[in-house]
Amino acid sequence: MVTVVDLHKKGRLKGVSLFLEAGSLALLGPNGAGKSTLLGLLAGRLRADAGRIALFGFAPRSLEAARRRAYIPQQVAFPPALRVGEVLEAARRLKGASQEEEQEALERMGLEPYLRRPVGQLSGGWRQRLALAAGLMGYAPLWLLDEPASALDAEGLGRLQDWLLAHTATGGLVIVSAHRKEEVLRLAERYVRLENGQVVEEGILENPYAEEPS
């Protein structure tokens, strides 16, 4: 369960409130609306000036909250000389995940043919697949995804959608920021629209998880 009450961050957010206890929520709005700031606060990377956040009853900067979330920022950098398989193995050890969970993550994002390829030789889309596989490996109940599909092709977006649906089907929560209509429709059930750091609209998507935008 995610609870945000009257959240303020100087120059970025003004009295934002939201609640999520099931499924997936899209954060919409133009650049500078406050989407990444809100995700950064939920991820414990930023500190709010006022207001309250609770992730499953825990403060966002607590160890208990950190154990229950996976956060994928817009930009994830890996050492270019490392091979894909080495990045995934390092992520597995850092997370304390099993080898089965590592295998599931790489299969989910279709990385099997690239395990021996250096990161520096990957395209932007494949680097994003690697970031998702490494970051979402294991089971964190809450996923925080900052424009995760911006560099993905249609197949990559489909793979992410399938993984997200499997996650929410077992009780997982997802908060995702997105710009393209296709991404929103395929990755979320509900939405909150931000403008100038404030919530201006919220609702339920008419055709969630659609293959194509209507």
N, C-alpha and C. Protein backbone atom coordinates (compact mmCIF):
# COMPACT_ATOMS: atom_id res chain seq x y z
N MET A 1 0.83 -1.19 0.00
CA MET A 1 0.00 0.00 0.00
C MET A 1 0.88 1.25 0.00
N VAL A 2 0.54 2.19 -0.87
CA VAL A 2 1.28 3.45 -0.98
C VAL A 2 0.34 4.60 -0.62
N THR A 3 0.76 5.41 0.35
CA THR A 3 -0.03 6.55 0.77
C THR A 3 0.82 7.81 0.70
N VAL A 4 0.33 8.82 0.00
CA VAL A 4 0.99 10.12 -0.10
C VAL A 4 -0.03 11.18 0.31
N VAL A 5 0.32 11.99 1.30
CA VAL A 5 -0.61 12.98 1.83
C VAL A 5 0.03 14.36 1.85
N ASP A 6 -0.54 15.28 1.07
CA ASP A 6 -0.19 16.71 1.08
C ASP A 6 1.33 16.91 0.98
N LEU A 7 1.92 16.30 -0.03
CA LEU A 7 3.37 16.29 -0.19
C LEU A 7 3.86 17.58 -0.85
N HIS A 8 4.91 18.15 -0.27
CA HIS A 8 5.51 19.37 -0.80
C HIS A 8 7.01 19.20 -0.97
N LYS A 9 7.53 19.70 -2.08
CA LYS A 9 8.95 19.80 -2.35
C LYS A 9 9.17 21.14 -3.03
N LYS A 10 9.95 22.00 -2.40
CA LYS A 10 10.07 23.38 -2.86
C LYS A 10 10.40 23.46 -4.35
N GLY A 11 9.58 24.22 -5.07
CA GLY A 11 9.78 24.43 -6.49
C GLY A 11 9.40 23.27 -7.37
N ARG A 12 8.91 22.16 -6.77
CA ARG A 12 8.64 20.96 -7.56
C ARG A 12 7.25 20.37 -7.33
N LEU A 13 6.85 20.20 -6.07
CA LEU A 13 5.55 19.62 -5.75
C LEU A 13 4.81 20.49 -4.75
N LYS A 14 3.47 20.58 -4.93
CA LYS A 14 2.64 21.43 -4.08
C LYS A 14 1.40 20.66 -3.65
N GLY A 15 1.46 20.05 -2.50
CA GLY A 15 0.27 19.42 -1.93
C GLY A 15 -0.22 18.20 -2.66
N VAL A 16 0.67 17.34 -3.12
CA VAL A 16 0.29 16.14 -3.86
C VAL A 16 -0.17 15.04 -2.88
N SER A 17 -1.31 14.43 -3.21
CA SER A 17 -1.82 13.30 -2.45
C SER A 17 -2.24 12.20 -3.41
N LEU A 18 -1.97 10.95 -3.04
CA LEU A 18 -2.45 9.80 -3.82
C LEU A 18 -2.44 8.57 -2.93
N PHE A 19 -3.17 7.56 -3.41
CA PHE A 19 -3.28 6.31 -2.65
C PHE A 19 -3.34 5.15 -3.65
N LEU A 20 -2.55 4.11 -3.39
CA LEU A 20 -2.54 2.92 -4.25
C LEU A 20 -2.46 1.69 -3.37
N GLU A 21 -3.47 0.83 -3.48
CA GLU A 21 -3.44 -0.42 -2.71
C GLU A 21 -3.48 -1.65 -3.60
N ALA A 22 -3.70 -1.44 -4.91
CA ALA A 22 -3.72 -2.58 -5.83
C ALA A 22 -3.47 -2.08 -7.24
N GLY A 23 -2.82 -2.92 -8.07
CA GLY A 23 -2.68 -2.63 -9.48
C GLY A 23 -1.61 -1.62 -9.81
N SER A 24 -1.83 -0.89 -10.89
CA SER A 24 -0.80 0.00 -11.44
C SER A 24 -1.36 1.40 -11.67
N LEU A 25 -0.49 2.38 -11.46
CA LEU A 25 -0.86 3.79 -11.56
C LEU A 25 0.14 4.51 -12.44
N ALA A 26 -0.34 5.25 -13.44
CA ALA A 26 0.52 6.04 -14.31
C ALA A 26 0.56 7.49 -13.84
N LEU A 27 1.76 8.06 -13.83
CA LEU A 27 1.95 9.49 -13.57
C LEU A 27 2.09 10.18 -14.91
N LEU A 28 1.17 11.07 -15.23
CA LEU A 28 1.16 11.76 -16.49
C LEU A 28 1.45 13.24 -16.28
N GLY A 29 1.83 13.91 -17.38
CA GLY A 29 2.08 15.34 -17.31
C GLY A 29 3.28 15.72 -18.14
N PRO A 30 3.42 17.01 -18.46
CA PRO A 30 4.54 17.47 -19.27
C PRO A 30 5.85 17.42 -18.50
N ASN A 31 6.95 17.61 -19.22
CA ASN A 31 8.25 17.71 -18.56
C ASN A 31 8.21 18.82 -17.52
N GLY A 32 8.77 18.55 -16.34
CA GLY A 32 8.77 19.54 -15.28
C GLY A 32 7.53 19.54 -14.42
N ALA A 33 6.60 18.61 -14.69
CA ALA A 33 5.35 18.58 -13.92
C ALA A 33 5.55 18.06 -12.50
N GLY A 34 6.65 17.29 -12.28
CA GLY A 34 6.91 16.75 -10.95
C GLY A 34 6.87 15.25 -10.86
N LYS A 35 6.75 14.58 -12.00
CA LYS A 35 6.65 13.11 -11.99
C LYS A 35 7.91 12.45 -11.43
N SER A 36 9.07 12.84 -11.95
CA SER A 36 10.32 12.24 -11.49
C SER A 36 10.61 12.60 -10.05
N THR A 37 10.25 13.82 -9.66
CA THR A 37 10.43 14.22 -8.26
C THR A 37 9.60 13.36 -7.34
N LEU A 38 8.35 13.12 -7.70
CA LEU A 38 7.49 12.28 -6.87
C LEU A 38 8.05 10.87 -6.77
N LEU A 39 8.51 10.30 -7.88
CA LEU A 39 9.11 8.97 -7.84
C LEU A 39 10.38 8.96 -6.99
N GLY A 40 11.19 10.02 -7.09
CA GLY A 40 12.39 10.12 -6.28
C GLY A 40 12.09 10.17 -4.80
N LEU A 41 11.01 10.84 -4.43
CA LEU A 41 10.59 10.89 -3.02
C LEU A 41 10.10 9.52 -2.56
N LEU A 42 9.32 8.85 -3.40
CA LEU A 42 8.84 7.50 -3.05
C LEU A 42 10.00 6.52 -2.94
N ALA A 43 11.04 6.74 -3.74
CA ALA A 43 12.21 5.86 -3.73
C ALA A 43 13.17 6.19 -2.59
N GLY A 44 12.91 7.25 -1.84
CA GLY A 44 13.81 7.62 -0.76
C GLY A 44 15.06 8.35 -1.22
N ARG A 45 15.12 8.74 -2.50
CA ARG A 45 16.28 9.46 -3.03
C ARG A 45 16.22 10.94 -2.68
N LEU A 46 15.02 11.46 -2.45
CA LEU A 46 14.82 12.86 -2.09
C LEU A 46 14.07 12.92 -0.77
N ARG A 47 14.17 14.07 -0.11
CA ARG A 47 13.47 14.29 1.16
C ARG A 47 12.42 15.38 0.97
N ALA A 48 11.20 15.11 1.40
CA ALA A 48 10.12 16.08 1.25
C ALA A 48 10.29 17.23 2.24
N ASP A 49 9.76 18.39 1.86
CA ASP A 49 9.75 19.54 2.77
C ASP A 49 8.58 19.47 3.73
N ALA A 50 7.48 18.87 3.29
CA ALA A 50 6.30 18.72 4.13
C ALA A 50 5.44 17.62 3.54
N GLY A 51 4.54 17.11 4.37
CA GLY A 51 3.66 16.04 3.93
C GLY A 51 4.12 14.69 4.44
N ARG A 52 3.41 13.65 4.03
CA ARG A 52 3.69 12.31 4.55
C ARG A 52 3.64 11.27 3.42
N ILE A 53 4.60 10.35 3.46
CA ILE A 53 4.63 9.20 2.56
C ILE A 53 4.74 7.94 3.42
N ALA A 54 3.96 6.93 3.08
CA ALA A 54 4.08 5.62 3.74
C ALA A 54 4.04 4.54 2.66
N LEU A 55 5.04 3.68 2.67
CA LEU A 55 5.10 2.52 1.79
C LEU A 55 4.91 1.27 2.65
N PHE A 56 3.73 0.67 2.56
CA PHE A 56 3.39 -0.49 3.39
C PHE A 56 3.55 -0.15 4.87
N GLY A 57 3.27 1.11 5.20
CA GLY A 57 3.34 1.56 6.58
C GLY A 57 4.69 2.08 7.03
N PHE A 58 5.69 2.08 6.13
CA PHE A 58 7.04 2.50 6.50
C PHE A 58 7.43 3.80 5.80
N ALA A 59 8.29 4.58 6.45
CA ALA A 59 8.81 5.80 5.85
C ALA A 59 9.66 5.45 4.64
N PRO A 60 9.63 6.26 3.58
CA PRO A 60 10.32 5.89 2.33
C PRO A 60 11.83 5.76 2.45
N ARG A 61 12.45 6.42 3.41
CA ARG A 61 13.90 6.35 3.56
C ARG A 61 14.33 5.27 4.54
N SER A 62 13.39 4.45 4.99
CA SER A 62 13.70 3.38 5.93
C SER A 62 14.18 2.13 5.21
N LEU A 63 14.91 1.30 5.93
CA LEU A 63 15.38 0.03 5.37
C LEU A 63 14.19 -0.88 5.05
N GLU A 64 13.15 -0.81 5.88
CA GLU A 64 11.98 -1.65 5.65
C GLU A 64 11.31 -1.31 4.32
N ALA A 65 11.23 -0.01 4.00
CA ALA A 65 10.65 0.39 2.72
C ALA A 65 11.56 0.00 1.56
N ALA A 66 12.87 0.17 1.74
CA ALA A 66 13.82 -0.17 0.68
C ALA A 66 13.73 -1.64 0.29
N ARG A 67 13.47 -2.49 1.26
CA ARG A 67 13.37 -3.93 1.00
C ARG A 67 12.12 -4.29 0.21
N ARG A 68 11.17 -3.38 0.18
CA ARG A 68 9.88 -3.66 -0.44
C ARG A 68 9.66 -2.96 -1.77
N ARG A 69 10.68 -2.32 -2.31
CA ARG A 69 10.49 -1.60 -3.57
C ARG A 69 11.66 -1.84 -4.51
N ALA A 70 11.36 -1.66 -5.80
CA ALA A 70 12.38 -1.65 -6.85
C ALA A 70 12.19 -0.34 -7.61
N TYR A 71 13.27 0.40 -7.80
CA TYR A 71 13.20 1.72 -8.44
C TYR A 71 14.10 1.72 -9.67
N ILE A 72 13.51 2.09 -10.81
CA ILE A 72 14.27 2.21 -12.06
C ILE A 72 14.19 3.67 -12.50
N PRO A 73 15.27 4.45 -12.33
CA PRO A 73 15.24 5.85 -12.77
C PRO A 73 15.31 5.96 -14.29
N GLN A 74 15.19 7.19 -14.79
CA GLN A 74 15.22 7.39 -16.24
C GLN A 74 16.54 6.94 -16.85
N GLN A 75 17.64 7.23 -16.19
CA GLN A 75 18.96 6.90 -16.71
C GLN A 75 19.66 5.95 -15.75
N VAL A 76 20.08 4.80 -16.26
CA VAL A 76 20.85 3.84 -15.48
C VAL A 76 22.15 3.57 -16.22
N ALA A 77 23.27 3.82 -15.56
CA ALA A 77 24.58 3.66 -16.22
C ALA A 77 25.30 2.44 -15.64
N PHE A 78 25.80 1.59 -16.53
CA PHE A 78 26.61 0.45 -16.13
C PHE A 78 28.01 0.63 -16.72
N PRO A 79 29.05 0.10 -16.06
CA PRO A 79 30.40 0.16 -16.64
C PRO A 79 30.41 -0.48 -18.03
N PRO A 80 30.85 0.23 -19.06
CA PRO A 80 30.73 -0.28 -20.43
C PRO A 80 31.51 -1.56 -20.70
N ALA A 81 32.57 -1.81 -19.91
CA ALA A 81 33.36 -3.01 -20.16
C ALA A 81 32.74 -4.27 -19.57
N LEU A 82 31.81 -4.12 -18.65
CA LEU A 82 31.16 -5.30 -18.06
C LEU A 82 30.27 -5.98 -19.09
N ARG A 83 30.22 -7.29 -19.01
CA ARG A 83 29.33 -8.04 -19.87
C ARG A 83 27.93 -8.07 -19.25
N VAL A 84 26.94 -8.29 -20.08
CA VAL A 84 25.56 -8.33 -19.62
C VAL A 84 25.39 -9.35 -18.49
N GLY A 85 25.95 -10.54 -18.67
CA GLY A 85 25.84 -11.56 -17.64
C GLY A 85 26.49 -11.15 -16.33
N GLU A 86 27.58 -10.39 -16.40
CA GLU A 86 28.25 -9.93 -15.18
C GLU A 86 27.39 -8.90 -14.45
N VAL A 87 26.72 -8.03 -15.19
CA VAL A 87 25.83 -7.06 -14.56
C VAL A 87 24.69 -7.77 -13.83
N LEU A 88 24.11 -8.75 -14.49
CA LEU A 88 23.00 -9.47 -13.88
C LEU A 88 23.44 -10.26 -12.65
N GLU A 89 24.62 -10.86 -12.71
CA GLU A 89 25.12 -11.60 -11.56
C GLU A 89 25.41 -10.66 -10.39
N ALA A 90 25.97 -9.49 -10.68
CA ALA A 90 26.21 -8.51 -9.62
C ALA A 90 24.89 -8.06 -8.99
N ALA A 91 23.87 -7.84 -9.82
CA ALA A 91 22.56 -7.45 -9.30
C ALA A 91 21.98 -8.54 -8.43
N ARG A 92 22.15 -9.78 -8.86
CA ARG A 92 21.62 -10.91 -8.07
C ARG A 92 22.25 -10.97 -6.69
N ARG A 93 23.57 -10.80 -6.66
CA ARG A 93 24.27 -10.86 -5.37
C ARG A 93 23.88 -9.68 -4.48
N LEU A 94 23.77 -8.50 -5.08
CA LEU A 94 23.40 -7.31 -4.31
C LEU A 94 22.01 -7.45 -3.71
N LYS A 95 21.09 -8.01 -4.46
CA LYS A 95 19.71 -8.14 -4.01
C LYS A 95 19.49 -9.37 -3.13
N GLY A 96 20.44 -10.30 -3.15
CA GLY A 96 20.22 -11.56 -2.45
C GLY A 96 19.20 -12.43 -3.15
N ALA A 97 19.09 -12.25 -4.47
CA ALA A 97 18.13 -13.03 -5.26
C ALA A 97 18.70 -14.41 -5.57
N SER A 98 17.82 -15.32 -5.95
CA SER A 98 18.24 -16.66 -6.30
C SER A 98 18.68 -16.71 -7.77
N GLN A 99 19.37 -17.76 -8.15
CA GLN A 99 19.74 -17.95 -9.55
C GLN A 99 18.51 -18.13 -10.42
N GLU A 100 17.48 -18.74 -9.86
CA GLU A 100 16.23 -18.89 -10.61
C GLU A 100 15.60 -17.52 -10.88
N GLU A 101 15.66 -16.62 -9.92
CA GLU A 101 15.11 -15.28 -10.12
C GLU A 101 15.94 -14.49 -11.14
N GLU A 102 17.25 -14.69 -11.13
CA GLU A 102 18.09 -14.06 -12.15
C GLU A 102 17.73 -14.58 -13.54
N GLN A 103 17.56 -15.89 -13.65
CA GLN A 103 17.21 -16.48 -14.93
C GLN A 103 15.86 -15.97 -15.42
N GLU A 104 14.91 -15.87 -14.52
CA GLU A 104 13.59 -15.36 -14.91
C GLU A 104 13.69 -13.93 -15.43
N ALA A 105 14.48 -13.10 -14.75
CA ALA A 105 14.60 -11.70 -15.15
C ALA A 105 15.21 -11.56 -16.55
N LEU A 106 16.28 -12.31 -16.82
CA LEU A 106 16.92 -12.18 -18.13
C LEU A 106 16.02 -12.74 -19.23
N GLU A 107 15.27 -13.79 -18.91
CA GLU A 107 14.34 -14.34 -19.90
C GLU A 107 13.17 -13.39 -20.14
N ARG A 108 12.68 -12.75 -19.08
CA ARG A 108 11.58 -11.80 -19.22
C ARG A 108 11.92 -10.70 -20.23
N MET A 109 13.17 -10.23 -20.22
CA MET A 109 13.55 -9.14 -21.10
C MET A 109 14.31 -9.61 -22.34
N GLY A 110 14.38 -10.93 -22.56
CA GLY A 110 14.95 -11.47 -23.79
C GLY A 110 16.44 -11.26 -23.93
N LEU A 111 17.17 -11.35 -22.83
CA LEU A 111 18.60 -11.04 -22.84
C LEU A 111 19.50 -12.25 -23.08
N GLU A 112 18.93 -13.43 -23.25
CA GLU A 112 19.75 -14.64 -23.37
C GLU A 112 20.84 -14.55 -24.43
N PRO A 113 20.59 -13.99 -25.64
CA PRO A 113 21.65 -13.96 -26.66
C PRO A 113 22.76 -12.95 -26.38
N TYR A 114 22.58 -12.10 -25.37
CA TYR A 114 23.51 -11.00 -25.14
C TYR A 114 24.34 -11.13 -23.87
N LEU A 115 24.30 -12.27 -23.22
CA LEU A 115 24.93 -12.40 -21.91
C LEU A 115 26.44 -12.14 -21.95
N ARG A 116 27.11 -12.44 -23.05
CA ARG A 116 28.55 -12.26 -23.13
C ARG A 116 28.93 -10.94 -23.82
N ARG A 117 27.95 -10.14 -24.15
CA ARG A 117 28.24 -8.88 -24.85
C ARG A 117 28.53 -7.77 -23.86
N PRO A 118 29.59 -6.97 -24.08
CA PRO A 118 29.87 -5.83 -23.20
C PRO A 118 28.74 -4.81 -23.26
N VAL A 119 28.46 -4.19 -22.13
CA VAL A 119 27.39 -3.20 -22.06
C VAL A 119 27.62 -2.07 -23.07
N GLY A 120 28.89 -1.69 -23.25
CA GLY A 120 29.21 -0.60 -24.17
C GLY A 120 28.84 -0.88 -25.61
N GLN A 121 28.58 -2.13 -25.96
CA GLN A 121 28.20 -2.48 -27.32
C GLN A 121 26.69 -2.63 -27.50
N LEU A 122 25.92 -2.36 -26.46
CA LEU A 122 24.47 -2.47 -26.54
C LEU A 122 23.86 -1.17 -27.05
N SER A 123 22.75 -1.29 -27.75
CA SER A 123 21.97 -0.11 -28.13
C SER A 123 21.24 0.43 -26.90
N GLY A 124 20.65 1.60 -27.04
CA GLY A 124 19.92 2.18 -25.92
C GLY A 124 18.77 1.32 -25.46
N GLY A 125 18.07 0.70 -26.42
CA GLY A 125 16.96 -0.17 -26.06
C GLY A 125 17.38 -1.40 -25.28
N TRP A 126 18.50 -1.99 -25.68
CA TRP A 126 18.98 -3.18 -24.96
C TRP A 126 19.58 -2.81 -23.61
N ARG A 127 20.18 -1.64 -23.50
CA ARG A 127 20.63 -1.20 -22.17
C ARG A 127 19.44 -1.00 -21.24
N GLN A 128 18.33 -0.50 -21.79
CA GLN A 128 17.14 -0.34 -20.96
C GLN A 128 16.57 -1.69 -20.54
N ARG A 129 16.60 -2.66 -21.44
CA ARG A 129 16.16 -4.01 -21.05
C ARG A 129 17.03 -4.56 -19.93
N LEU A 130 18.33 -4.32 -20.02
CA LEU A 130 19.24 -4.78 -18.98
C LEU A 130 18.94 -4.08 -17.65
N ALA A 131 18.69 -2.77 -17.69
CA ALA A 131 18.36 -2.04 -16.47
C ALA A 131 17.10 -2.58 -15.82
N LEU A 132 16.11 -2.90 -16.62
CA LEU A 132 14.87 -3.46 -16.08
C LEU A 132 15.08 -4.84 -15.50
N ALA A 133 15.83 -5.69 -16.20
CA ALA A 133 16.09 -7.04 -15.70
C ALA A 133 16.85 -7.00 -14.38
N ALA A 134 17.88 -6.15 -14.33
CA ALA A 134 18.68 -6.05 -13.11
C ALA A 134 17.90 -5.42 -11.96
N GLY A 135 17.11 -4.41 -12.27
CA GLY A 135 16.40 -3.69 -11.22
C GLY A 135 15.17 -4.39 -10.68
N LEU A 136 14.49 -5.16 -11.53
CA LEU A 136 13.25 -5.82 -11.12
C LEU A 136 13.45 -7.27 -10.73
N MET A 137 14.66 -7.74 -10.78
CA MET A 137 14.98 -9.12 -10.39
C MET A 137 14.54 -9.37 -8.95
N GLY A 138 14.06 -10.58 -8.70
CA GLY A 138 13.59 -10.90 -7.36
C GLY A 138 12.15 -10.44 -7.21
N TYR A 139 11.68 -10.37 -5.97
CA TYR A 139 10.30 -9.93 -5.78
C TYR A 139 10.27 -8.77 -4.80
N ALA A 140 10.13 -7.56 -5.34
CA ALA A 140 9.84 -6.38 -4.54
C ALA A 140 8.37 -6.05 -4.77
N PRO A 141 7.56 -5.93 -3.74
CA PRO A 141 6.12 -5.70 -3.94
C PRO A 141 5.80 -4.43 -4.71
N LEU A 142 6.64 -3.40 -4.58
CA LEU A 142 6.36 -2.12 -5.23
C LEU A 142 7.42 -1.82 -6.29
N TRP A 143 6.96 -1.57 -7.51
CA TRP A 143 7.85 -1.12 -8.58
C TRP A 143 7.62 0.37 -8.82
N LEU A 144 8.72 1.13 -8.88
CA LEU A 144 8.69 2.55 -9.21
C LEU A 144 9.48 2.71 -10.50
N LEU A 145 8.81 3.05 -11.58
CA LEU A 145 9.42 3.05 -12.91
C LEU A 145 9.31 4.45 -13.53
N ASP A 146 10.45 5.07 -13.78
CA ASP A 146 10.48 6.42 -14.34
C ASP A 146 10.74 6.32 -15.85
N GLU A 147 9.68 6.45 -16.63
CA GLU A 147 9.73 6.34 -18.09
C GLU A 147 10.50 5.09 -18.54
N PRO A 148 10.07 3.93 -18.09
CA PRO A 148 10.84 2.70 -18.38
C PRO A 148 10.81 2.27 -19.83
N ALA A 149 9.81 2.74 -20.59
CA ALA A 149 9.66 2.25 -21.96
C ALA A 149 10.14 3.24 -23.01
N SER A 150 10.74 4.35 -22.59
CA SER A 150 11.09 5.40 -23.55
C SER A 150 12.07 4.94 -24.62
N ALA A 151 12.94 3.98 -24.29
CA ALA A 151 13.93 3.50 -25.26
C ALA A 151 13.59 2.12 -25.82
N LEU A 152 12.45 1.56 -25.42
CA LEU A 152 12.12 0.20 -25.81
C LEU A 152 11.41 0.16 -27.16
N ASP A 153 11.71 -0.89 -27.95
CA ASP A 153 10.94 -1.11 -29.17
C ASP A 153 9.65 -1.84 -28.79
N ALA A 154 8.85 -2.18 -29.81
CA ALA A 154 7.54 -2.79 -29.55
C ALA A 154 7.67 -4.11 -28.81
N GLU A 155 8.67 -4.92 -29.18
CA GLU A 155 8.84 -6.20 -28.49
C GLU A 155 9.25 -5.99 -27.04
N GLY A 156 10.17 -5.06 -26.81
CA GLY A 156 10.60 -4.78 -25.45
C GLY A 156 9.46 -4.28 -24.58
N LEU A 157 8.63 -3.41 -25.15
CA LEU A 157 7.47 -2.92 -24.41
C LEU A 157 6.51 -4.06 -24.10
N GLY A 158 6.32 -4.96 -25.05
CA GLY A 158 5.47 -6.11 -24.80
C GLY A 158 5.98 -7.00 -23.69
N ARG A 159 7.30 -7.20 -23.67
CA ARG A 159 7.90 -8.02 -22.60
C ARG A 159 7.72 -7.34 -21.23
N LEU A 160 7.92 -6.03 -21.19
CA LEU A 160 7.73 -5.30 -19.93
C LEU A 160 6.27 -5.40 -19.49
N GLN A 161 5.35 -5.25 -20.43
CA GLN A 161 3.94 -5.35 -20.09
C GLN A 161 3.61 -6.73 -19.51
N ASP A 162 4.11 -7.78 -20.13
CA ASP A 162 3.84 -9.13 -19.64
C ASP A 162 4.36 -9.31 -18.22
N TRP A 163 5.55 -8.80 -17.96
CA TRP A 163 6.14 -8.93 -16.62
C TRP A 163 5.33 -8.13 -15.61
N LEU A 164 4.93 -6.92 -16.01
CA LEU A 164 4.13 -6.07 -15.12
C LEU A 164 2.80 -6.73 -14.79
N LEU A 165 2.15 -7.32 -15.78
CA LEU A 165 0.87 -7.98 -15.54
C LEU A 165 1.03 -9.17 -14.59
N ALA A 166 2.12 -9.92 -14.75
CA ALA A 166 2.38 -11.04 -13.85
C ALA A 166 2.62 -10.53 -12.42
N HIS A 167 3.29 -9.39 -12.33
CA HIS A 167 3.58 -8.80 -11.02
C HIS A 167 2.30 -8.36 -10.32
N THR A 168 1.45 -7.61 -11.02
CA THR A 168 0.22 -7.13 -10.40
C THR A 168 -0.76 -8.27 -10.13
N ALA A 169 -0.71 -9.33 -10.94
CA ALA A 169 -1.61 -10.47 -10.73
C ALA A 169 -1.33 -11.19 -9.42
N THR A 170 -0.11 -11.07 -8.91
CA THR A 170 0.25 -11.70 -7.64
C THR A 170 0.25 -10.69 -6.49
N GLY A 171 -0.40 -9.53 -6.69
CA GLY A 171 -0.53 -8.56 -5.63
C GLY A 171 0.47 -7.43 -5.64
N GLY A 172 1.35 -7.40 -6.64
CA GLY A 172 2.34 -6.34 -6.71
C GLY A 172 1.72 -5.01 -7.12
N LEU A 173 2.41 -3.93 -6.75
CA LEU A 173 1.98 -2.57 -7.08
C LEU A 173 2.99 -1.95 -8.04
N VAL A 174 2.52 -1.07 -8.92
CA VAL A 174 3.38 -0.39 -9.87
C VAL A 174 2.98 1.07 -9.97
N ILE A 175 3.96 1.96 -9.88
CA ILE A 175 3.76 3.38 -10.19
C ILE A 175 4.75 3.72 -11.29
N VAL A 176 4.24 4.18 -12.42
CA VAL A 176 5.07 4.37 -13.61
C VAL A 176 4.80 5.73 -14.22
N SER A 177 5.85 6.44 -14.60
CA SER A 177 5.67 7.68 -15.35
C SER A 177 5.84 7.37 -16.83
N ALA A 178 5.07 8.06 -17.66
CA ALA A 178 5.11 7.79 -19.09
C ALA A 178 4.63 9.01 -19.85
N HIS A 179 5.07 9.11 -21.11
CA HIS A 179 4.64 10.20 -21.99
C HIS A 179 3.76 9.68 -23.13
N ARG A 180 4.21 8.60 -23.78
CA ARG A 180 3.48 8.11 -24.95
C ARG A 180 2.18 7.42 -24.54
N LYS A 181 1.12 7.67 -25.30
CA LYS A 181 -0.18 7.07 -25.01
C LYS A 181 -0.10 5.55 -25.00
N GLU A 182 0.67 4.99 -25.93
CA GLU A 182 0.80 3.53 -25.99
C GLU A 182 1.36 2.98 -24.70
N GLU A 183 2.37 3.65 -24.14
CA GLU A 183 2.96 3.19 -22.88
C GLU A 183 1.94 3.23 -21.75
N VAL A 184 1.21 4.34 -21.67
CA VAL A 184 0.22 4.51 -20.60
C VAL A 184 -0.83 3.40 -20.66
N LEU A 185 -1.36 3.17 -21.85
CA LEU A 185 -2.42 2.17 -22.01
C LEU A 185 -1.93 0.76 -21.71
N ARG A 186 -0.67 0.49 -22.00
CA ARG A 186 -0.17 -0.87 -21.83
C ARG A 186 0.42 -1.14 -20.45
N LEU A 187 0.67 -0.09 -19.67
CA LEU A 187 1.37 -0.29 -18.41
C LEU A 187 0.57 0.13 -17.17
N ALA A 188 -0.64 0.62 -17.33
CA ALA A 188 -1.36 1.12 -16.16
C ALA A 188 -2.86 0.92 -16.27
N GLU A 189 -3.50 0.92 -15.10
CA GLU A 189 -4.96 0.84 -14.99
C GLU A 189 -5.56 2.19 -14.62
N ARG A 190 -4.85 2.92 -13.76
CA ARG A 190 -5.32 4.24 -13.31
C ARG A 190 -4.27 5.28 -13.65
N TYR A 191 -4.63 6.55 -13.53
CA TYR A 191 -3.67 7.61 -13.81
C TYR A 191 -3.88 8.80 -12.87
N VAL A 192 -2.81 9.53 -12.68
CA VAL A 192 -2.82 10.83 -12.00
C VAL A 192 -2.08 11.78 -12.91
N ARG A 193 -2.67 12.91 -13.22
CA ARG A 193 -2.02 13.91 -14.08
C ARG A 193 -1.50 15.06 -13.22
N LEU A 194 -0.22 15.36 -13.41
CA LEU A 194 0.43 16.45 -12.70
C LEU A 194 0.70 17.61 -13.65
N GLU A 195 0.53 18.81 -13.13
CA GLU A 195 0.94 20.03 -13.84
C GLU A 195 1.46 21.02 -12.82
N ASN A 196 2.64 21.54 -13.07
CA ASN A 196 3.25 22.51 -12.17
C ASN A 196 3.28 22.01 -10.72
N GLY A 197 3.56 20.72 -10.58
CA GLY A 197 3.73 20.16 -9.24
C GLY A 197 2.45 19.87 -8.49
N GLN A 198 1.30 19.94 -9.16
CA GLN A 198 0.02 19.69 -8.50
C GLN A 198 -0.77 18.63 -9.26
N VAL A 199 -1.61 17.89 -8.54
CA VAL A 199 -2.52 16.94 -9.17
C VAL A 199 -3.69 17.72 -9.75
N VAL A 200 -3.90 17.61 -11.06
CA VAL A 200 -4.99 18.33 -11.71
C VAL A 200 -6.08 17.39 -12.20
N GLU A 201 -5.79 16.10 -12.25
CA GLU A 201 -6.78 15.14 -12.72
C GLU A 201 -6.36 13.74 -12.31
N GLU A 202 -7.31 12.89 -12.05
CA GLU A 202 -7.03 11.48 -11.80
C GLU A 202 -8.23 10.65 -12.22
N GLY A 203 -7.99 9.40 -12.56
CA GLY A 203 -9.09 8.57 -13.00
C GLY A 203 -8.66 7.18 -13.38
N ILE A 204 -9.58 6.45 -13.99
CA ILE A 204 -9.36 5.08 -14.43
C ILE A 204 -9.25 5.07 -15.94
N LEU A 205 -8.25 4.40 -16.49
CA LEU A 205 -8.10 4.29 -17.93
C LEU A 205 -9.20 3.41 -18.51
N GLU A 206 -9.78 3.83 -19.62
CA GLU A 206 -10.92 3.12 -20.19
C GLU A 206 -10.53 1.76 -20.76
N ASN A 207 -9.32 1.64 -21.27
CA ASN A 207 -8.91 0.41 -21.95
C ASN A 207 -7.50 0.00 -21.49
N PRO A 208 -7.34 -0.31 -20.19
CA PRO A 208 -5.99 -0.62 -19.70
C PRO A 208 -5.40 -1.87 -20.33
N TYR A 209 -4.08 -1.86 -20.48
CA TYR A 209 -3.31 -2.97 -21.00
C TYR A 209 -3.68 -3.29 -22.44
N ALA A 210 -4.13 -2.28 -23.19
CA ALA A 210 -4.46 -2.49 -24.60
C ALA A 210 -3.21 -2.72 -25.41
N GLU A 211 -3.33 -3.53 -26.45
CA GLU A 211 -2.21 -3.77 -27.35
C GLU A 211 -1.88 -2.52 -28.16
N GLU A 212 -2.91 -1.77 -28.55
CA GLU A 212 -2.71 -0.56 -29.34
C GLU A 212 -3.54 0.56 -28.75
N PRO A 213 -3.06 1.82 -28.82
CA PRO A 213 -3.86 2.93 -28.30
C PRO A 213 -5.11 3.12 -29.13
N SER A 214 -6.19 3.51 -28.47
CA SER A 214 -7.44 3.74 -29.19
C SER A 214 -7.47 5.14 -29.79
